All heavy atoms as atom14 arrays in JSON, in Angstrom:
{
  "sequence": "HGRRVVLVDDLHLLDAASTVVLRQLLDAGVVRLIGTIRCG",
  "atom14_mask": [
    [1, 1, 1, 1, 1, 1, 1, 1, 1, 1, 0, 0, 0, 0],
    [1, 1, 1, 1, 0, 0, 0, 0, 0, 0, 0, 0, 0, 0],
    [1, 1, 1, 1, 1, 1, 1, 1, 1, 1, 1, 0, 0, 0],
    [1, 1, 1, 1, 1, 1, 1, 1, 1, 1, 1, 0, 0, 0],
    [1, 1, 1, 1, 1, 1, 1, 0, 0, 0, 0, 0, 0, 0],
    [1, 1, 1, 1, 1, 1, 1, 0, 0, 0, 0, 0, 0, 0],
    [1, 1, 1, 1, 1, 1, 1, 1, 0, 0, 0, 0, 0, 0],
    [1, 1, 1, 1, 1, 1, 1, 0, 0, 0, 0, 0, 0, 0],
    [1, 1, 1, 1, 1, 1, 1, 1, 0, 0, 0, 0, 0, 0],
    [1, 1, 1, 1, 1, 1, 1, 1, 0, 0, 0, 0, 0, 0],
    [1, 1, 1, 1, 1, 1, 1, 1, 0, 0, 0, 0, 0, 0],
    [1, 1, 1, 1, 1, 1, 1, 1, 1, 1, 0, 0, 0, 0],
    [1, 1, 1, 1, 1, 1, 1, 1, 0, 0, 0, 0, 0, 0],
    [1, 1, 1, 1, 1, 1, 1, 1, 0, 0, 0, 0, 0, 0],
    [1, 1, 1, 1, 1, 1, 1, 1, 0, 0, 0, 0, 0, 0],
    [1, 1, 1, 1, 1, 0, 0, 0, 0, 0, 0, 0, 0, 0],
    [1, 1, 1, 1, 1, 0, 0, 0, 0, 0, 0, 0, 0, 0],
    [1, 1, 1, 1, 1, 1, 0, 0, 0, 0, 0, 0, 0, 0],
    [1, 1, 1, 1, 1, 1, 1, 0, 0, 0, 0, 0, 0, 0],
    [1, 1, 1, 1, 1, 1, 1, 0, 0, 0, 0, 0, 0, 0],
    [1, 1, 1, 1, 1, 1, 1, 0, 0, 0, 0, 0, 0, 0],
    [1, 1, 1, 1, 1, 1, 1, 1, 0, 0, 0, 0, 0, 0],
    [1, 1, 1, 1, 1, 1, 1, 1, 1, 1, 1, 0, 0, 0],
    [1, 1, 1, 1, 1, 1, 1, 1, 1, 0, 0, 0, 0, 0],
    [1, 1, 1, 1, 1, 1, 1, 1, 0, 0, 0, 0, 0, 0],
    [1, 1, 1, 1, 1, 1, 1, 1, 0, 0, 0, 0, 0, 0],
    [1, 1, 1, 1, 1, 1, 1, 1, 0, 0, 0, 0, 0, 0],
    [1, 1, 1, 1, 1, 0, 0, 0, 0, 0, 0, 0, 0, 0],
    [1, 1, 1, 1, 0, 0, 0, 0, 0, 0, 0, 0, 0, 0],
    [1, 1, 1, 1, 1, 1, 1, 0, 0, 0, 0, 0, 0, 0],
    [1, 1, 1, 1, 1, 1, 1, 0, 0, 0, 0, 0, 0, 0],
    [1, 1, 1, 1, 1, 1, 1, 1, 1, 1, 1, 0, 0, 0],
    [1, 1, 1, 1, 1, 1, 1, 1, 0, 0, 0, 0, 0, 0],
    [1, 1, 1, 1, 1, 1, 1, 1, 0, 0, 0, 0, 0, 0],
    [1, 1, 1, 1, 0, 0, 0, 0, 0, 0, 0, 0, 0, 0],
    [1, 1, 1, 1, 1, 1, 1, 0, 0, 0, 0, 0, 0, 0],
    [1, 1, 1, 1, 1, 1, 1, 1, 0, 0, 0, 0, 0, 0],
    [1, 1, 1, 1, 1, 1, 1, 1, 1, 1, 1, 0, 0, 0],
    [1, 1, 1, 1, 1, 1, 0, 0, 0, 0, 0, 0, 0, 0],
    [1, 1, 1, 1, 0, 0, 0, 0, 0, 0, 0, 0, 0, 0]
  ],
  "atom14_positions": [
    [[1.43, 19.21, 84.93], [0.11, 19.83, 84.93], [-0.34, 20.29, 83.55], [-1.33, 21.0, 83.41], [0.1, 21.03, 85.9], [0.43, 20.65, 87.31], [-0.46, 20.0, 88.13], [1.57, 20.8, 88.03], [0.1, 19.79, 89.31], [1.33, 20.25, 89.28], [0.0, 0.0, 0.0], [0.0, 0.0, 0.0], [0.0, 0.0, 0.0], [0.0, 0.0, 0.0]],
    [[0.35, 19.89, 82.52], [-0.06, 20.25, 81.17], [0.29, 21.68, 80.82], [1.21, 22.28, 81.38], [0.0, 0.0, 0.0], [0.0, 0.0, 0.0], [0.0, 0.0, 0.0], [0.0, 0.0, 0.0], [0.0, 0.0, 0.0], [0.0, 0.0, 0.0], [0.0, 0.0, 0.0], [0.0, 0.0, 0.0], [0.0, 0.0, 0.0], [0.0, 0.0, 0.0]],
    [[-0.44, 22.24, 79.91], [-0.17, 23.59, 79.43], [-0.3, 24.6, 80.58], [-1.28, 24.61, 81.31], [-1.14, 23.97, 78.31], [-1.09, 23.03, 77.11], [-2.0, 23.52, 76.0], [-3.37, 23.72, 76.44], [-4.32, 24.34, 75.73], [-4.01, 24.83, 74.54], [-5.55, 24.46, 76.19], [0.0, 0.0, 0.0], [0.0, 0.0, 0.0], [0.0, 0.0, 0.0]],
    [[0.69, 25.47, 80.71], [0.68, 26.43, 81.81], [0.98, 27.83, 81.28], [1.86, 28.01, 80.43], [1.71, 26.07, 82.88], [1.74, 27.05, 84.06], [2.79, 26.65, 85.07], [2.44, 25.42, 85.75], [1.78, 25.38, 86.92], [1.38, 26.49, 87.5], [1.52, 24.22, 87.48], [0.0, 0.0, 0.0], [0.0, 0.0, 0.0], [0.0, 0.0, 0.0]],
    [[0.27, 28.81, 81.81], [0.54, 30.21, 81.5], [0.85, 30.92, 82.82], [0.18, 30.72, 83.83], [-0.63, 30.88, 80.75], [-1.93, 30.76, 81.53], [-0.32, 32.34, 80.49], [0.0, 0.0, 0.0], [0.0, 0.0, 0.0], [0.0, 0.0, 0.0], [0.0, 0.0, 0.0], [0.0, 0.0, 0.0], [0.0, 0.0, 0.0], [0.0, 0.0, 0.0]],
    [[1.9, 31.73, 82.8], [2.36, 32.44, 83.98], [2.17, 33.94, 83.76], [2.61, 34.49, 82.75], [3.84, 32.14, 84.28], [4.31, 32.95, 85.49], [4.05, 30.65, 84.51], [0.0, 0.0, 0.0], [0.0, 0.0, 0.0], [0.0, 0.0, 0.0], [0.0, 0.0, 0.0], [0.0, 0.0, 0.0], [0.0, 0.0, 0.0], [0.0, 0.0, 0.0]],
    [[1.49, 34.6, 84.7], [1.33, 36.04, 84.67], [2.35, 36.68, 85.6], [2.4, 36.37, 86.79], [-0.09, 36.43, 85.11], [-0.33, 37.92, 85.43], [-0.01, 38.79, 84.23], [-1.76, 38.14, 85.91], [0.0, 0.0, 0.0], [0.0, 0.0, 0.0], [0.0, 0.0, 0.0], [0.0, 0.0, 0.0], [0.0, 0.0, 0.0], [0.0, 0.0, 0.0]],
    [[3.17, 37.58, 85.04], [4.15, 38.32, 85.84], [3.79, 39.81, 85.77], [4.0, 40.46, 84.75], [5.59, 38.1, 85.34], [6.57, 38.81, 86.26], [5.92, 36.62, 85.26], [0.0, 0.0, 0.0], [0.0, 0.0, 0.0], [0.0, 0.0, 0.0], [0.0, 0.0, 0.0], [0.0, 0.0, 0.0], [0.0, 0.0, 0.0], [0.0, 0.0, 0.0]],
    [[3.23, 40.31, 86.86], [2.91, 41.75, 86.94], [4.2, 42.5, 87.29], [4.99, 42.05, 88.12], [1.85, 41.97, 88.02], [0.89, 43.09, 87.64], [1.04, 43.68, 86.56], [-0.02, 43.36, 88.44], [0.0, 0.0, 0.0], [0.0, 0.0, 0.0], [0.0, 0.0, 0.0], [0.0, 0.0, 0.0], [0.0, 0.0, 0.0], [0.0, 0.0, 0.0]],
    [[4.41, 43.66, 86.65], [5.64, 44.43, 86.83], [6.87, 43.61, 86.44], [7.85, 43.5, 87.2], [5.77, 44.93, 88.28], [4.75, 46.02, 88.61], [4.39, 46.78, 87.7], [4.32, 46.09, 89.77], [0.0, 0.0, 0.0], [0.0, 0.0, 0.0], [0.0, 0.0, 0.0], [0.0, 0.0, 0.0], [0.0, 0.0, 0.0], [0.0, 0.0, 0.0]],
    [[6.81, 43.08, 85.26], [7.9, 42.23, 84.75], [9.23, 42.97, 84.73], [10.3, 42.35, 84.89], [7.54, 41.75, 83.34], [8.55, 40.86, 82.61], [8.73, 39.53, 83.32], [8.12, 40.64, 81.16], [0.0, 0.0, 0.0], [0.0, 0.0, 0.0], [0.0, 0.0, 0.0], [0.0, 0.0, 0.0], [0.0, 0.0, 0.0], [0.0, 0.0, 0.0]],
    [[9.19, 44.29, 84.54], [10.43, 45.06, 84.47], [11.26, 44.99, 85.76], [12.45, 45.29, 85.75], [10.12, 46.52, 84.14], [9.1, 47.15, 85.05], [7.75, 46.94, 84.89], [9.22, 47.95, 86.13], [7.09, 47.59, 85.82], [7.96, 48.21, 86.58], [0.0, 0.0, 0.0], [0.0, 0.0, 0.0], [0.0, 0.0, 0.0], [0.0, 0.0, 0.0]],
    [[10.63, 44.59, 86.88], [11.34, 44.5, 88.15], [11.94, 43.12, 88.41], [12.6, 42.91, 89.43], [10.38, 44.82, 89.31], [9.75, 46.22, 89.32], [8.78, 46.35, 90.49], [10.83, 47.31, 89.39], [0.0, 0.0, 0.0], [0.0, 0.0, 0.0], [0.0, 0.0, 0.0], [0.0, 0.0, 0.0], [0.0, 0.0, 0.0], [0.0, 0.0, 0.0]],
    [[11.73, 42.18, 87.5], [12.15, 40.8, 87.73], [13.68, 40.7, 87.8], [14.39, 41.3, 87.01], [11.63, 39.91, 86.61], [11.61, 38.4, 86.89], [10.68, 38.06, 88.04], [11.21, 37.64, 85.63], [0.0, 0.0, 0.0], [0.0, 0.0, 0.0], [0.0, 0.0, 0.0], [0.0, 0.0, 0.0], [0.0, 0.0, 0.0], [0.0, 0.0, 0.0]],
    [[14.16, 39.93, 88.77], [15.61, 39.75, 88.94], [16.18, 38.89, 87.81], [15.46, 38.15, 87.13], [15.91, 39.11, 90.29], [15.35, 37.71, 90.41], [14.14, 37.59, 90.71], [16.08, 36.75, 90.17], [0.0, 0.0, 0.0], [0.0, 0.0, 0.0], [0.0, 0.0, 0.0], [0.0, 0.0, 0.0], [0.0, 0.0, 0.0], [0.0, 0.0, 0.0]],
    [[17.49, 38.96, 87.64], [18.16, 38.3, 86.52], [18.0, 36.78, 86.58], [17.75, 36.14, 85.54], [19.64, 38.68, 86.5], [0.0, 0.0, 0.0], [0.0, 0.0, 0.0], [0.0, 0.0, 0.0], [0.0, 0.0, 0.0], [0.0, 0.0, 0.0], [0.0, 0.0, 0.0], [0.0, 0.0, 0.0], [0.0, 0.0, 0.0], [0.0, 0.0, 0.0]],
    [[18.15, 36.19, 87.76], [18.07, 34.73, 87.86], [16.68, 34.23, 87.48], [16.54, 33.23, 86.75], [18.41, 34.29, 89.28], [0.0, 0.0, 0.0], [0.0, 0.0, 0.0], [0.0, 0.0, 0.0], [0.0, 0.0, 0.0], [0.0, 0.0, 0.0], [0.0, 0.0, 0.0], [0.0, 0.0, 0.0], [0.0, 0.0, 0.0], [0.0, 0.0, 0.0]],
    [[15.64, 34.91, 87.96], [14.27, 34.52, 87.62], [14.02, 34.68, 86.13], [13.33, 33.86, 85.5], [13.26, 35.36, 88.41], [13.37, 35.13, 89.79], [0.0, 0.0, 0.0], [0.0, 0.0, 0.0], [0.0, 0.0, 0.0], [0.0, 0.0, 0.0], [0.0, 0.0, 0.0], [0.0, 0.0, 0.0], [0.0, 0.0, 0.0], [0.0, 0.0, 0.0]],
    [[14.58, 35.73, 85.55], [14.41, 35.98, 84.12], [15.02, 34.85, 83.29], [14.43, 34.4, 82.31], [15.05, 37.32, 83.73], [14.51, 38.36, 84.54], [14.79, 37.63, 82.27], [0.0, 0.0, 0.0], [0.0, 0.0, 0.0], [0.0, 0.0, 0.0], [0.0, 0.0, 0.0], [0.0, 0.0, 0.0], [0.0, 0.0, 0.0], [0.0, 0.0, 0.0]],
    [[16.2, 34.39, 83.71], [16.87, 33.3, 82.99], [16.02, 32.03, 83.04], [15.85, 31.33, 82.02], [18.27, 33.05, 83.58], [18.85, 31.76, 83.0], [19.19, 34.22, 83.28], [0.0, 0.0, 0.0], [0.0, 0.0, 0.0], [0.0, 0.0, 0.0], [0.0, 0.0, 0.0], [0.0, 0.0, 0.0], [0.0, 0.0, 0.0], [0.0, 0.0, 0.0]],
    [[15.47, 31.71, 84.21], [14.64, 30.51, 84.34], [13.4, 30.62, 83.45], [13.04, 29.67, 82.74], [14.23, 30.28, 85.8], [13.2, 29.15, 85.91], [15.45, 29.95, 86.65], [0.0, 0.0, 0.0], [0.0, 0.0, 0.0], [0.0, 0.0, 0.0], [0.0, 0.0, 0.0], [0.0, 0.0, 0.0], [0.0, 0.0, 0.0], [0.0, 0.0, 0.0]],
    [[12.75, 31.78, 83.46], [11.57, 31.96, 82.6], [11.94, 31.82, 81.13], [11.19, 31.22, 80.35], [10.93, 33.34, 82.86], [10.01, 33.46, 84.06], [9.45, 34.87, 84.14], [8.86, 32.45, 83.97], [0.0, 0.0, 0.0], [0.0, 0.0, 0.0], [0.0, 0.0, 0.0], [0.0, 0.0, 0.0], [0.0, 0.0, 0.0], [0.0, 0.0, 0.0]],
    [[13.08, 32.37, 80.75], [13.52, 32.27, 79.36], [13.69, 30.8, 78.97], [13.28, 30.38, 77.89], [14.85, 33.01, 79.21], [15.51, 32.91, 77.84], [14.86, 33.82, 76.83], [13.78, 33.21, 76.09], [12.99, 33.87, 75.27], [13.13, 35.17, 75.08], [12.03, 33.24, 74.62], [0.0, 0.0, 0.0], [0.0, 0.0, 0.0], [0.0, 0.0, 0.0]],
    [[14.28, 30.02, 79.84], [14.48, 28.6, 79.56], [13.14, 27.86, 79.45], [12.96, 27.01, 78.57], [15.33, 27.97, 80.66], [16.78, 28.45, 80.67], [17.54, 27.94, 81.88], [17.01, 27.87, 82.98], [18.81, 27.57, 81.68], [0.0, 0.0, 0.0], [0.0, 0.0, 0.0], [0.0, 0.0, 0.0], [0.0, 0.0, 0.0], [0.0, 0.0, 0.0]],
    [[12.22, 28.2, 80.33], [10.9, 27.55, 80.3], [10.14, 27.9, 79.03], [9.46, 27.06, 78.44], [10.09, 27.95, 81.53], [10.61, 27.44, 82.88], [9.83, 28.08, 84.02], [10.51, 25.91, 82.95], [0.0, 0.0, 0.0], [0.0, 0.0, 0.0], [0.0, 0.0, 0.0], [0.0, 0.0, 0.0], [0.0, 0.0, 0.0], [0.0, 0.0, 0.0]],
    [[10.27, 29.13, 78.59], [9.62, 29.55, 77.35], [10.23, 28.8, 76.16], [9.5, 28.29, 75.3], [9.78, 31.06, 77.16], [8.95, 31.97, 78.07], [9.4, 33.43, 77.89], [7.47, 31.86, 77.75], [0.0, 0.0, 0.0], [0.0, 0.0, 0.0], [0.0, 0.0, 0.0], [0.0, 0.0, 0.0], [0.0, 0.0, 0.0], [0.0, 0.0, 0.0]],
    [[11.55, 28.77, 76.12], [12.22, 28.11, 74.99], [11.91, 26.62, 74.94], [11.87, 26.01, 73.86], [13.73, 28.33, 75.08], [14.13, 29.78, 74.81], [13.31, 30.51, 74.24], [15.25, 30.16, 75.19], [0.0, 0.0, 0.0], [0.0, 0.0, 0.0], [0.0, 0.0, 0.0], [0.0, 0.0, 0.0], [0.0, 0.0, 0.0], [0.0, 0.0, 0.0]],
    [[11.69, 26.02, 76.12], [11.38, 24.59, 76.17], [9.9, 24.31, 75.89], [9.5, 23.15, 75.81], [11.76, 24.03, 77.54], [0.0, 0.0, 0.0], [0.0, 0.0, 0.0], [0.0, 0.0, 0.0], [0.0, 0.0, 0.0], [0.0, 0.0, 0.0], [0.0, 0.0, 0.0], [0.0, 0.0, 0.0], [0.0, 0.0, 0.0], [0.0, 0.0, 0.0]],
    [[9.12, 25.37, 75.75], [7.69, 25.19, 75.48], [6.9, 24.73, 76.68], [5.77, 24.24, 76.55], [0.0, 0.0, 0.0], [0.0, 0.0, 0.0], [0.0, 0.0, 0.0], [0.0, 0.0, 0.0], [0.0, 0.0, 0.0], [0.0, 0.0, 0.0], [0.0, 0.0, 0.0], [0.0, 0.0, 0.0], [0.0, 0.0, 0.0], [0.0, 0.0, 0.0]],
    [[7.45, 24.89, 77.88], [6.77, 24.44, 79.1], [5.71, 25.44, 79.54], [4.68, 25.06, 80.09], [7.8, 24.21, 80.23], [7.11, 23.83, 81.54], [8.8, 23.14, 79.82], [0.0, 0.0, 0.0], [0.0, 0.0, 0.0], [0.0, 0.0, 0.0], [0.0, 0.0, 0.0], [0.0, 0.0, 0.0], [0.0, 0.0, 0.0], [0.0, 0.0, 0.0]],
    [[5.95, 26.73, 79.32], [5.0, 27.77, 79.74], [4.83, 28.79, 78.62], [5.65, 28.89, 77.7], [5.46, 28.5, 81.02], [5.68, 27.54, 82.17], [6.71, 29.34, 80.75], [0.0, 0.0, 0.0], [0.0, 0.0, 0.0], [0.0, 0.0, 0.0], [0.0, 0.0, 0.0], [0.0, 0.0, 0.0], [0.0, 0.0, 0.0], [0.0, 0.0, 0.0]],
    [[3.74, 29.52, 78.75], [3.57, 30.79, 78.04], [3.53, 31.89, 79.1], [3.19, 31.63, 80.26], [2.29, 30.79, 77.21], [2.42, 30.16, 75.83], [1.15, 30.34, 75.04], [1.31, 30.0, 73.64], [0.37, 30.19, 72.73], [-0.81, 30.7, 73.07], [0.59, 29.86, 71.47], [0.0, 0.0, 0.0], [0.0, 0.0, 0.0], [0.0, 0.0, 0.0]],
    [[3.86, 33.1, 78.68], [4.04, 34.19, 79.64], [3.14, 35.37, 79.28], [3.01, 35.74, 78.11], [5.5, 34.63, 79.64], [5.93, 35.74, 80.59], [5.69, 35.32, 82.04], [7.41, 36.06, 80.37], [0.0, 0.0, 0.0], [0.0, 0.0, 0.0], [0.0, 0.0, 0.0], [0.0, 0.0, 0.0], [0.0, 0.0, 0.0], [0.0, 0.0, 0.0]],
    [[2.5, 35.94, 80.3], [1.81, 37.23, 80.19], [2.52, 38.17, 81.14], [2.67, 37.87, 82.33], [0.32, 37.12, 80.57], [-0.41, 36.16, 79.63], [-0.33, 38.5, 80.53], [-1.85, 35.88, 80.05], [0.0, 0.0, 0.0], [0.0, 0.0, 0.0], [0.0, 0.0, 0.0], [0.0, 0.0, 0.0], [0.0, 0.0, 0.0], [0.0, 0.0, 0.0]],
    [[2.98, 39.32, 80.65], [3.71, 40.25, 81.5], [3.24, 41.67, 81.34], [2.81, 42.07, 80.25], [0.0, 0.0, 0.0], [0.0, 0.0, 0.0], [0.0, 0.0, 0.0], [0.0, 0.0, 0.0], [0.0, 0.0, 0.0], [0.0, 0.0, 0.0], [0.0, 0.0, 0.0], [0.0, 0.0, 0.0], [0.0, 0.0, 0.0], [0.0, 0.0, 0.0]],
    [[3.27, 42.43, 82.43], [2.97, 43.86, 82.36], [4.25, 44.63, 82.65], [5.04, 44.24, 83.51], [1.89, 44.27, 83.37], [2.39, 44.12, 84.72], [0.63, 43.43, 83.2], [0.0, 0.0, 0.0], [0.0, 0.0, 0.0], [0.0, 0.0, 0.0], [0.0, 0.0, 0.0], [0.0, 0.0, 0.0], [0.0, 0.0, 0.0], [0.0, 0.0, 0.0]],
    [[4.43, 45.74, 81.93], [5.66, 46.52, 82.03], [5.29, 47.99, 82.02], [4.58, 48.46, 81.12], [6.6, 46.22, 80.85], [7.0, 44.73, 80.87], [7.84, 47.1, 80.9], [7.42, 44.2, 79.53], [0.0, 0.0, 0.0], [0.0, 0.0, 0.0], [0.0, 0.0, 0.0], [0.0, 0.0, 0.0], [0.0, 0.0, 0.0], [0.0, 0.0, 0.0]],
    [[5.75, 48.71, 83.03], [5.46, 50.15, 83.11], [6.37, 50.92, 82.17], [7.6, 50.8, 82.23], [5.64, 50.66, 84.53], [5.3, 52.15, 84.69], [5.52, 52.63, 86.1], [4.65, 51.95, 87.04], [4.62, 52.21, 88.35], [5.44, 53.12, 88.84], [3.8, 51.55, 89.13], [0.0, 0.0, 0.0], [0.0, 0.0, 0.0], [0.0, 0.0, 0.0]],
    [[5.77, 51.71, 81.3], [6.55, 52.53, 80.37], [7.36, 53.57, 81.15], [6.93, 54.06, 82.19], [5.62, 53.23, 79.39], [4.9, 52.16, 78.15], [0.0, 0.0, 0.0], [0.0, 0.0, 0.0], [0.0, 0.0, 0.0], [0.0, 0.0, 0.0], [0.0, 0.0, 0.0], [0.0, 0.0, 0.0], [0.0, 0.0, 0.0], [0.0, 0.0, 0.0]],
    [[8.53, 53.9, 80.63], [9.36, 54.91, 81.25], [10.28, 54.38, 82.33], [11.07, 55.13, 82.89], [0.0, 0.0, 0.0], [0.0, 0.0, 0.0], [0.0, 0.0, 0.0], [0.0, 0.0, 0.0], [0.0, 0.0, 0.0], [0.0, 0.0, 0.0], [0.0, 0.0, 0.0], [0.0, 0.0, 0.0], [0.0, 0.0, 0.0], [0.0, 0.0, 0.0]]
  ]
}
């Protein structure tokens, strides 16, 4: 589908397995990421 951007609201709650997959996708240049994180 070409260039893709993924929005993850409350990124701080993301589980470890999902985080690893996102990290791989970012490193491969497949996606860009927008994330929100609650301070504290």
